Every structure is written in structure tokens, then in C-alpha cells.
């Protein structure tokens, strides 16, 4: 099962995620901000208050499947 093992904030709405298979990917989450579950996160002060528990989540209840992050990220060497 794919999980997020580590995450770093990179500015704007971009996160650097390390996955359980060792791959690191940079993911821009800007496209998700148009959806109601992510509206509050347009405020970067809210966005940067994420947590990690096998995937990324926020206190408003929003979370993102690791598979989405993996598929929409760009690999980092």
C-alpha cells in the first residue's frame, strides 16, 4: 500500500512528498483549490498547517489520497 512517509512545504501550494517506495515527488496542489473541501486552504496560512498520517491532511477534514499525489507529482532525484 502506497503511503506518504515525509512531506516538506516548498512555498505557494507546493509540497515535496516522500513515498513508502522511496520516490520523492514535488506536487503542486493549486488545481485542488477550486473544490469545496479545499476552499479554506486558499489561505496559505491554513494550507501550511497540514499533518501527516500515511497521507497529508488538514484540520478542516480535507485530505489527499497518496495515489493522487504520486500520479500528479514530478519526480525529484
PDB file of N, CA and C in Angstrom:
ATOM      1  N   UNK A   1       0.839  -1.178   0.000  1.00  0.00           N
ATOM      2  CA  UNK A   1       0.000   0.000   0.000  1.00  0.00           C
ATOM      3  C   UNK A   1       0.891   1.251   0.000  1.00  0.00           C
ATOM      4  N   UNK A   2       0.619   2.159  -0.906  1.00  0.00           N
ATOM      5  CA  UNK A   2       1.385   3.396  -1.030  1.00  0.00           C
ATOM      6  C   UNK A   2       0.993   4.371   0.075  1.00  0.00           C
ATOM      7  N   UNK A   3       2.001   4.933   0.749  1.00  0.00           N
ATOM      8  CA  UNK A   3       1.761   5.949   1.773  1.00  0.00           C
ATOM      9  C   UNK A   3       2.771   7.080   1.600  1.00  0.00           C
ATOM     10  N   UNK A   4       2.464   8.205   2.229  1.00  0.00           N
ATOM     11  CA  UNK A   4       3.401   9.333   2.270  1.00  0.00           C
ATOM     12  C   UNK A   4       4.176   9.214   3.574  1.00  0.00           C
ATOM     13  N   UNK A   5       5.492   9.139   3.486  1.00  0.00           N
ATOM     14  CA  UNK A   5       6.338   8.955   4.665  1.00  0.00           C
ATOM     15  C   UNK A   5       6.894  10.268   5.209  1.00  0.00           C
ATOM     16  N   UNK A   6       7.038  11.274   4.329  1.00  0.00           N
ATOM     17  CA  UNK A   6       7.567  12.568   4.745  1.00  0.00           C
ATOM     18  C   UNK A   6       7.030  13.617   3.792  1.00  0.00           C
ATOM     19  N   UNK A   7       6.870  14.842   4.300  1.00  0.00           N
ATOM     20  CA  UNK A   7       6.390  15.941   3.468  1.00  0.00           C
ATOM     21  C   UNK A   7       7.051  17.237   3.920  1.00  0.00           C
ATOM     22  N   UNK A   8       7.412  18.062   2.943  1.00  0.00           N
ATOM     23  CA  UNK A   8       8.018  19.366   3.213  1.00  0.00           C
ATOM     24  C   UNK A   8       7.269  20.420   2.409  1.00  0.00           C
ATOM     25  N   UNK A   9       7.040  21.560   3.040  1.00  0.00           N
ATOM     26  CA  UNK A   9       6.407  22.689   2.355  1.00  0.00           C
ATOM     27  C   UNK A   9       7.459  23.384   1.513  1.00  0.00           C
ATOM     28  N   UNK A  10       7.123  23.675   0.251  1.00  0.00           N
ATOM     29  CA  UNK A  10       8.083  24.296  -0.657  1.00  0.00           C
ATOM     30  C   UNK A  10       7.680  25.702  -1.092  1.00  0.00           C
ATOM     31  N   UNK A  11       6.596  26.225  -0.566  1.00  0.00           N
ATOM     32  CA  UNK A  11       6.128  27.548  -0.950  1.00  0.00           C
ATOM     33  C   UNK A  11       4.890  27.470  -1.815  1.00  0.00           C
ATOM     34  N   UNK A  12       4.099  28.528  -1.783  1.00  0.00           N
ATOM     35  CA  UNK A  12       2.858  28.528  -2.547  1.00  0.00           C
ATOM     36  C   UNK A  12       1.990  27.375  -2.106  1.00  0.00           C
ATOM     37  N   UNK A  13       1.564  26.564  -3.036  1.00  0.00           N
ATOM     38  CA  UNK A  13       0.742  25.386  -2.736  1.00  0.00           C
ATOM     39  C   UNK A  13       1.468  24.112  -3.162  1.00  0.00           C
ATOM     40  N   UNK A  14       2.782  24.131  -3.034  1.00  0.00           N
ATOM     41  CA  UNK A  14       3.613  23.013  -3.469  1.00  0.00           C
ATOM     42  C   UNK A  14       4.223  22.294  -2.269  1.00  0.00           C
ATOM     43  N   UNK A  15       4.147  20.961  -2.325  1.00  0.00           N
ATOM     44  CA  UNK A  15       4.718  20.107  -1.289  1.00  0.00           C
ATOM     45  C   UNK A  15       5.684  19.119  -1.918  1.00  0.00           C
ATOM     46  N   UNK A  16       6.716  18.786  -1.175  1.00  0.00           N
ATOM     47  CA  UNK A  16       7.652  17.738  -1.583  1.00  0.00           C
ATOM     48  C   UNK A  16       7.322  16.513  -0.739  1.00  0.00           C
ATOM     49  N   UNK A  17       6.893  15.453  -1.396  1.00  0.00           N
ATOM     50  CA  UNK A  17       6.449  14.239  -0.710  1.00  0.00           C
ATOM     51  C   UNK A  17       7.427  13.101  -0.941  1.00  0.00           C
ATOM     52  N   UNK A  18       7.707  12.369   0.131  1.00  0.00           N
ATOM     53  CA  UNK A  18       8.473  11.131   0.007  1.00  0.00           C
ATOM     54  C   UNK A  18       7.514   9.986   0.285  1.00  0.00           C
ATOM     55  N   UNK A  19       7.475   9.030  -0.626  1.00  0.00           N
ATOM     56  CA  UNK A  19       6.525   7.936  -0.548  1.00  0.00           C
ATOM     57  C   UNK A  19       7.170   6.675   0.016  1.00  0.00           C
ATOM     58  N   UNK A  20       6.322   5.727   0.373  1.00  0.00           N
ATOM     59  CA  UNK A  20       6.784   4.487   1.002  1.00  0.00           C
ATOM     60  C   UNK A  20       7.685   3.663   0.094  1.00  0.00           C
ATOM     61  N   UNK A  21       7.671   3.918  -1.213  1.00  0.00           N
ATOM     62  CA  UNK A  21       8.576   3.199  -2.117  1.00  0.00           C
ATOM     63  C   UNK A  21       9.906   3.929  -2.317  1.00  0.00           C
ATOM     64  N   UNK A  22      10.105   5.023  -1.553  1.00  0.00           N
ATOM     65  CA  UNK A  22      11.356   5.773  -1.607  1.00  0.00           C
ATOM     66  C   UNK A  22      11.382   6.889  -2.641  1.00  0.00           C
ATOM     67  N   UNK A  23      10.372   6.978  -3.487  1.00  0.00           N
ATOM     68  CA  UNK A  23      10.311   8.016  -4.516  1.00  0.00           C
ATOM     69  C   UNK A  23       9.924   9.345  -3.871  1.00  0.00           C
ATOM     70  N   UNK A  24      10.599  10.415  -4.325  1.00  0.00           N
ATOM     71  CA  UNK A  24      10.277  11.776  -3.871  1.00  0.00           C
ATOM     72  C   UNK A  24       9.688  12.542  -5.047  1.00  0.00           C
ATOM     73  N   UNK A  25       8.549  13.219  -4.787  1.00  0.00           N
ATOM     74  CA  UNK A  25       7.893  13.971  -5.847  1.00  0.00           C
ATOM     75  C   UNK A  25       7.444  15.333  -5.344  1.00  0.00           C
ATOM     76  N   UNK A  26       7.572  16.304  -6.223  1.00  0.00           N
ATOM     77  CA  UNK A  26       7.088  17.657  -5.960  1.00  0.00           C
ATOM     78  C   UNK A  26       5.675  17.739  -6.526  1.00  0.00           C
ATOM     79  N   UNK A  27       4.727  18.161  -5.672  1.00  0.00           N
ATOM     80  CA  UNK A  27       3.324  18.188  -6.072  1.00  0.00           C
ATOM     81  C   UNK A  27       2.757  19.593  -5.863  1.00  0.00           C
ATOM     82  N   UNK A  28       2.219  20.175  -6.935  1.00  0.00           N
ATOM     83  CA  UNK A  28       1.541  21.470  -6.864  1.00  0.00           C
ATOM     84  C   UNK A  28       0.054  21.186  -6.688  1.00  0.00           C
ATOM     85  N   UNK A  29      -0.497  21.615  -5.553  1.00  0.00           N
ATOM     86  CA  UNK A  29      -1.892  21.327  -5.245  1.00  0.00           C
ATOM     87  C   UNK A  29      -2.838  22.450  -5.652  1.00  0.00           C
ATOM     88  N   UNK A  30      -2.353  23.444  -6.357  1.00  0.00           N
ATOM     89  CA  UNK A  30      -3.184  24.564  -6.795  1.00  0.00           C
ATOM     90  C   UNK A  30      -4.472  24.109  -7.483  1.00  0.00           C
ATOM     91  N   UNK A  31      -4.439  23.105  -8.379  1.00  0.00           N
ATOM     92  CA  UNK A  31      -5.681  22.705  -9.056  1.00  0.00           C
ATOM     93  C   UNK A  31      -6.796  22.239  -8.108  1.00  0.00           C
ATOM     94  N   UNK A  32      -6.449  21.774  -6.927  1.00  0.00           N
ATOM     95  CA  UNK A  32      -7.460  21.282  -5.986  1.00  0.00           C
ATOM     96  C   UNK A  32      -8.199  22.404  -5.264  1.00  0.00           C
ATOM     97  N   UNK A  33      -7.642  23.604  -5.277  1.00  0.00           N
ATOM     98  CA  UNK A  33      -8.219  24.702  -4.507  1.00  0.00           C
ATOM     99  C   UNK A  33      -9.574  25.164  -5.030  1.00  0.00           C
ATOM    100  N   UNK A  34      -9.970  24.704  -6.196  1.00  0.00           N
ATOM    101  CA  UNK A  34     -11.275  25.063  -6.749  1.00  0.00           C
ATOM    102  C   UNK A  34     -12.406  24.206  -6.170  1.00  0.00           C
ATOM    103  N   UNK A  35     -12.065  23.146  -5.472  1.00  0.00           N
ATOM    104  CA  UNK A  35     -13.067  22.245  -4.908  1.00  0.00           C
ATOM    105  C   UNK A  35     -13.449  22.676  -3.489  1.00  0.00           C
ATOM    106  N   UNK A  36     -14.730  22.521  -3.124  1.00  0.00           N
ATOM    107  CA  UNK A  36     -15.207  22.988  -1.811  1.00  0.00           C
ATOM    108  C   UNK A  36     -14.390  22.483  -0.615  1.00  0.00           C
ATOM    109  N   UNK A  37     -13.953  21.235  -0.634  1.00  0.00           N
ATOM    110  CA  UNK A  37     -13.199  20.684   0.503  1.00  0.00           C
ATOM    111  C   UNK A  37     -11.870  21.410   0.726  1.00  0.00           C
ATOM    112  N   UNK A  38     -11.379  22.074  -0.318  1.00  0.00           N
ATOM    113  CA  UNK A  38     -10.068  22.718  -0.236  1.00  0.00           C
ATOM    114  C   UNK A  38     -10.143  24.243  -0.238  1.00  0.00           C
ATOM    115  N   UNK A  39     -11.368  24.812  -0.274  1.00  0.00           N
ATOM    116  CA  UNK A  39     -11.536  26.262  -0.339  1.00  0.00           C
ATOM    117  C   UNK A  39     -10.780  27.003   0.754  1.00  0.00           C
ATOM    118  N   UNK A  40     -10.897  26.551   1.993  1.00  0.00           N
ATOM    119  CA  UNK A  40     -10.227  27.205   3.122  1.00  0.00           C
ATOM    120  C   UNK A  40      -8.719  27.264   2.930  1.00  0.00           C
ATOM    121  N   UNK A  41      -8.182  26.310   2.184  1.00  0.00           N
ATOM    122  CA  UNK A  41      -6.737  26.196   2.036  1.00  0.00           C
ATOM    123  C   UNK A  41      -6.160  27.195   1.037  1.00  0.00           C
ATOM    124  N   UNK A  42      -7.030  27.980   0.395  1.00  0.00           N
ATOM    125  CA  UNK A  42      -6.539  29.070  -0.458  1.00  0.00           C
ATOM    126  C   UNK A  42      -5.751  30.070   0.369  1.00  0.00           C
ATOM    127  N   UNK A  43      -6.095  30.152   1.647  1.00  0.00           N
ATOM    128  CA  UNK A  43      -5.338  30.974   2.593  1.00  0.00           C
ATOM    129  C   UNK A  43      -4.072  30.185   2.939  1.00  0.00           C
ATOM    130  N   UNK A  44      -2.925  30.682   2.486  1.00  0.00           N
ATOM    131  CA  UNK A  44      -1.675  29.926   2.704  1.00  0.00           C
ATOM    132  C   UNK A  44      -1.406  29.654   4.170  1.00  0.00           C
ATOM    133  N   UNK A  45      -1.881  30.508   5.061  1.00  0.00           N
ATOM    134  CA  UNK A  45      -1.693  30.258   6.494  1.00  0.00           C
ATOM    135  C   UNK A  45      -2.420  28.982   6.913  1.00  0.00           C
ATOM    136  N   UNK A  46      -3.546  28.704   6.283  1.00  0.00           N
ATOM    137  CA  UNK A  46      -4.272  27.460   6.544  1.00  0.00           C
ATOM    138  C   UNK A  46      -3.601  26.288   5.827  1.00  0.00           C
ATOM    139  N   UNK A  47      -3.173  26.530   4.599  1.00  0.00           N
ATOM    140  CA  UNK A  47      -2.563  25.471   3.797  1.00  0.00           C
ATOM    141  C   UNK A  47      -1.342  24.861   4.480  1.00  0.00           C
ATOM    142  N   UNK A  48      -0.508  25.719   5.059  1.00  0.00           N
ATOM    143  CA  UNK A  48       0.744  25.212   5.632  1.00  0.00           C
ATOM    144  C   UNK A  48       0.536  24.461   6.952  1.00  0.00           C
ATOM    145  N   UNK A  49      -0.679  24.437   7.449  1.00  0.00           N
ATOM    146  CA  UNK A  49      -0.965  23.734   8.702  1.00  0.00           C
ATOM    147  C   UNK A  49      -1.446  22.308   8.422  1.00  0.00           C
ATOM    148  N   UNK A  50      -0.678  21.599   7.635  1.00  0.00           N
ATOM    149  CA  UNK A  50      -1.026  20.214   7.292  1.00  0.00           C
ATOM    150  C   UNK A  50      -0.398  19.249   8.279  1.00  0.00           C
ATOM    151  N   UNK A  51      -0.935  18.053   8.300  1.00  0.00           N
ATOM    152  CA  UNK A  51      -0.383  16.980   9.108  1.00  0.00           C
ATOM    153  C   UNK A  51      -0.079  15.787   8.213  1.00  0.00           C
ATOM    154  N   UNK A  52       0.573  14.801   8.791  1.00  0.00           N
ATOM    155  CA  UNK A  52       0.945  13.604   8.048  1.00  0.00           C
ATOM    156  C   UNK A  52       0.585  12.358   8.846  1.00  0.00           C
ATOM    157  N   UNK A  53      -0.229  11.516   8.242  1.00  0.00           N
ATOM    158  CA  UNK A  53      -0.602  10.226   8.831  1.00  0.00           C
ATOM    159  C   UNK A  53      -0.851   9.271   7.666  1.00  0.00           C
ATOM    160  N   UNK A  54       0.217   8.817   7.041  1.00  0.00           N
ATOM    161  CA  UNK A  54       0.208   7.992   5.826  1.00  0.00           C
ATOM    162  C   UNK A  54      -0.217   8.777   4.589  1.00  0.00           C
ATOM    163  N   UNK A  55      -0.805   9.929   4.770  1.00  0.00           N
ATOM    164  CA  UNK A  55      -1.083  10.893   3.704  1.00  0.00           C
ATOM    165  C   UNK A  55      -1.162  12.274   4.338  1.00  0.00           C
ATOM    166  N   UNK A  56      -1.396  13.280   3.523  1.00  0.00           N
ATOM    167  CA  UNK A  56      -1.453  14.655   4.015  1.00  0.00           C
ATOM    168  C   UNK A  56      -2.898  14.996   4.347  1.00  0.00           C
ATOM    169  N   UNK A  57      -3.095  15.681   5.486  1.00  0.00           N
ATOM    170  CA  UNK A  57      -4.440  16.078   5.893  1.00  0.00           C
ATOM    171  C   UNK A  57      -4.391  17.465   6.524  1.00  0.00           C
ATOM    172  N   UNK A  58      -5.556  18.089   6.628  1.00  0.00           N
ATOM    173  CA  UNK A  58      -5.693  19.405   7.241  1.00  0.00           C
ATOM    174  C   UNK A  58      -6.776  19.348   8.298  1.00  0.00           C
ATOM    175  N   UNK A  59      -6.765  20.327   9.194  1.00  0.00           N
ATOM    176  CA  UNK A  59      -7.704  20.321  10.321  1.00  0.00           C
ATOM    177  C   UNK A  59      -9.156  20.500   9.881  1.00  0.00           C
ATOM    178  N   UNK A  60      -9.407  21.018   8.663  1.00  0.00           N
ATOM    179  CA  UNK A  60     -10.787  21.159   8.192  1.00  0.00           C
ATOM    180  C   UNK A  60     -11.360  19.832   7.685  1.00  0.00           C
ATOM    181  N   UNK A  61     -10.563  18.767   7.760  1.00  0.00           N
ATOM    182  CA  UNK A  61     -11.015  17.441   7.346  1.00  0.00           C
ATOM    183  C   UNK A  61     -10.576  17.043   5.943  1.00  0.00           C
ATOM    184  N   UNK A  62     -10.011  17.977   5.200  1.00  0.00           N
ATOM    185  CA  UNK A  62      -9.531  17.667   3.850  1.00  0.00           C
ATOM    186  C   UNK A  62      -8.297  16.772   3.929  1.00  0.00           C
ATOM    187  N   UNK A  63      -8.220  15.844   3.002  1.00  0.00           N
ATOM    188  CA  UNK A  63      -7.015  15.029   2.861  1.00  0.00           C
ATOM    189  C   UNK A  63      -6.886  14.636   1.396  1.00  0.00           C
ATOM    190  N   UNK A  64      -5.765  14.070   1.047  1.00  0.00           N
ATOM    191  CA  UNK A  64      -5.489  13.712  -0.339  1.00  0.00           C
ATOM    192  C   UNK A  64      -4.938  12.291  -0.372  1.00  0.00           C
ATOM    193  N   UNK A  65      -5.491  11.488  -1.236  1.00  0.00           N
ATOM    194  CA  UNK A  65      -5.022  10.113  -1.380  1.00  0.00           C
ATOM    195  C   UNK A  65      -3.564  10.110  -1.844  1.00  0.00           C
ATOM    196  N   UNK A  66      -2.732   9.253  -1.256  1.00  0.00           N
ATOM    197  CA  UNK A  66      -1.337   9.165  -1.681  1.00  0.00           C
ATOM    198  C   UNK A  66      -1.208   8.874  -3.180  1.00  0.00           C
ATOM    199  N   UNK A  67      -2.134   8.104  -3.707  1.00  0.00           N
ATOM    200  CA  UNK A  67      -2.091   7.762  -5.129  1.00  0.00           C
ATOM    201  C   UNK A  67      -2.267   9.006  -6.014  1.00  0.00           C
ATOM    202  N   UNK A  68      -3.111   9.950  -5.569  1.00  0.00           N
ATOM    203  CA  UNK A  68      -3.284  11.204  -6.309  1.00  0.00           C
ATOM    204  C   UNK A  68      -1.975  11.993  -6.304  1.00  0.00           C
ATOM    205  N   UNK A  69      -1.379  12.113  -5.126  1.00  0.00           N
ATOM    206  CA  UNK A  69      -0.121  12.855  -5.003  1.00  0.00           C
ATOM    207  C   UNK A  69       0.963  12.240  -5.886  1.00  0.00           C
ATOM    208  N   UNK A  70       1.027  10.929  -5.883  1.00  0.00           N
ATOM    209  CA  UNK A  70       2.033  10.199  -6.658  1.00  0.00           C
ATOM    210  C   UNK A  70       1.821  10.428  -8.153  1.00  0.00           C
ATOM    211  N   UNK A  71       0.573  10.319  -8.591  1.00  0.00           N
ATOM    212  CA  UNK A  71       0.262  10.451 -10.011  1.00  0.00           C
ATOM    213  C   UNK A  71       0.440  11.874 -10.535  1.00  0.00           C
ATOM    214  N   UNK A  72       0.232  12.868  -9.666  1.00  0.00           N
ATOM    215  CA  UNK A  72       0.287  14.256 -10.112  1.00  0.00           C
ATOM    216  C   UNK A  72       1.587  14.968  -9.741  1.00  0.00           C
ATOM    217  N   UNK A  73       2.521  14.246  -9.149  1.00  0.00           N
ATOM    218  CA  UNK A  73       3.799  14.835  -8.770  1.00  0.00           C
ATOM    219  C   UNK A  73       4.861  14.658  -9.829  1.00  0.00           C
ATOM    220  N   UNK A  74       5.915  15.447  -9.688  1.00  0.00           N
ATOM    221  CA  UNK A  74       7.081  15.351 -10.578  1.00  0.00           C
ATOM    222  C   UNK A  74       8.257  14.805  -9.782  1.00  0.00           C
ATOM    223  N   UNK A  75       8.833  13.734 -10.278  1.00  0.00           N
ATOM    224  CA  UNK A  75       9.913  13.050  -9.563  1.00  0.00           C
ATOM    225  C   UNK A  75      11.115  13.960  -9.330  1.00  0.00           C
ATOM    226  N   UNK A  76      11.699  13.829  -8.145  1.00  0.00           N
ATOM    227  CA  UNK A  76      12.894  14.571  -7.739  1.00  0.00           C
ATOM    228  C   UNK A  76      14.016  13.553  -7.556  1.00  0.00           C
ATOM    229  N   UNK A  77      15.160  13.841  -8.089  1.00  0.00           N
ATOM    230  CA  UNK A  77      16.301  12.915  -7.960  1.00  0.00           C
ATOM    231  C   UNK A  77      16.829  12.867  -6.561  1.00  0.00           C
TER     232      UNK A  77
END
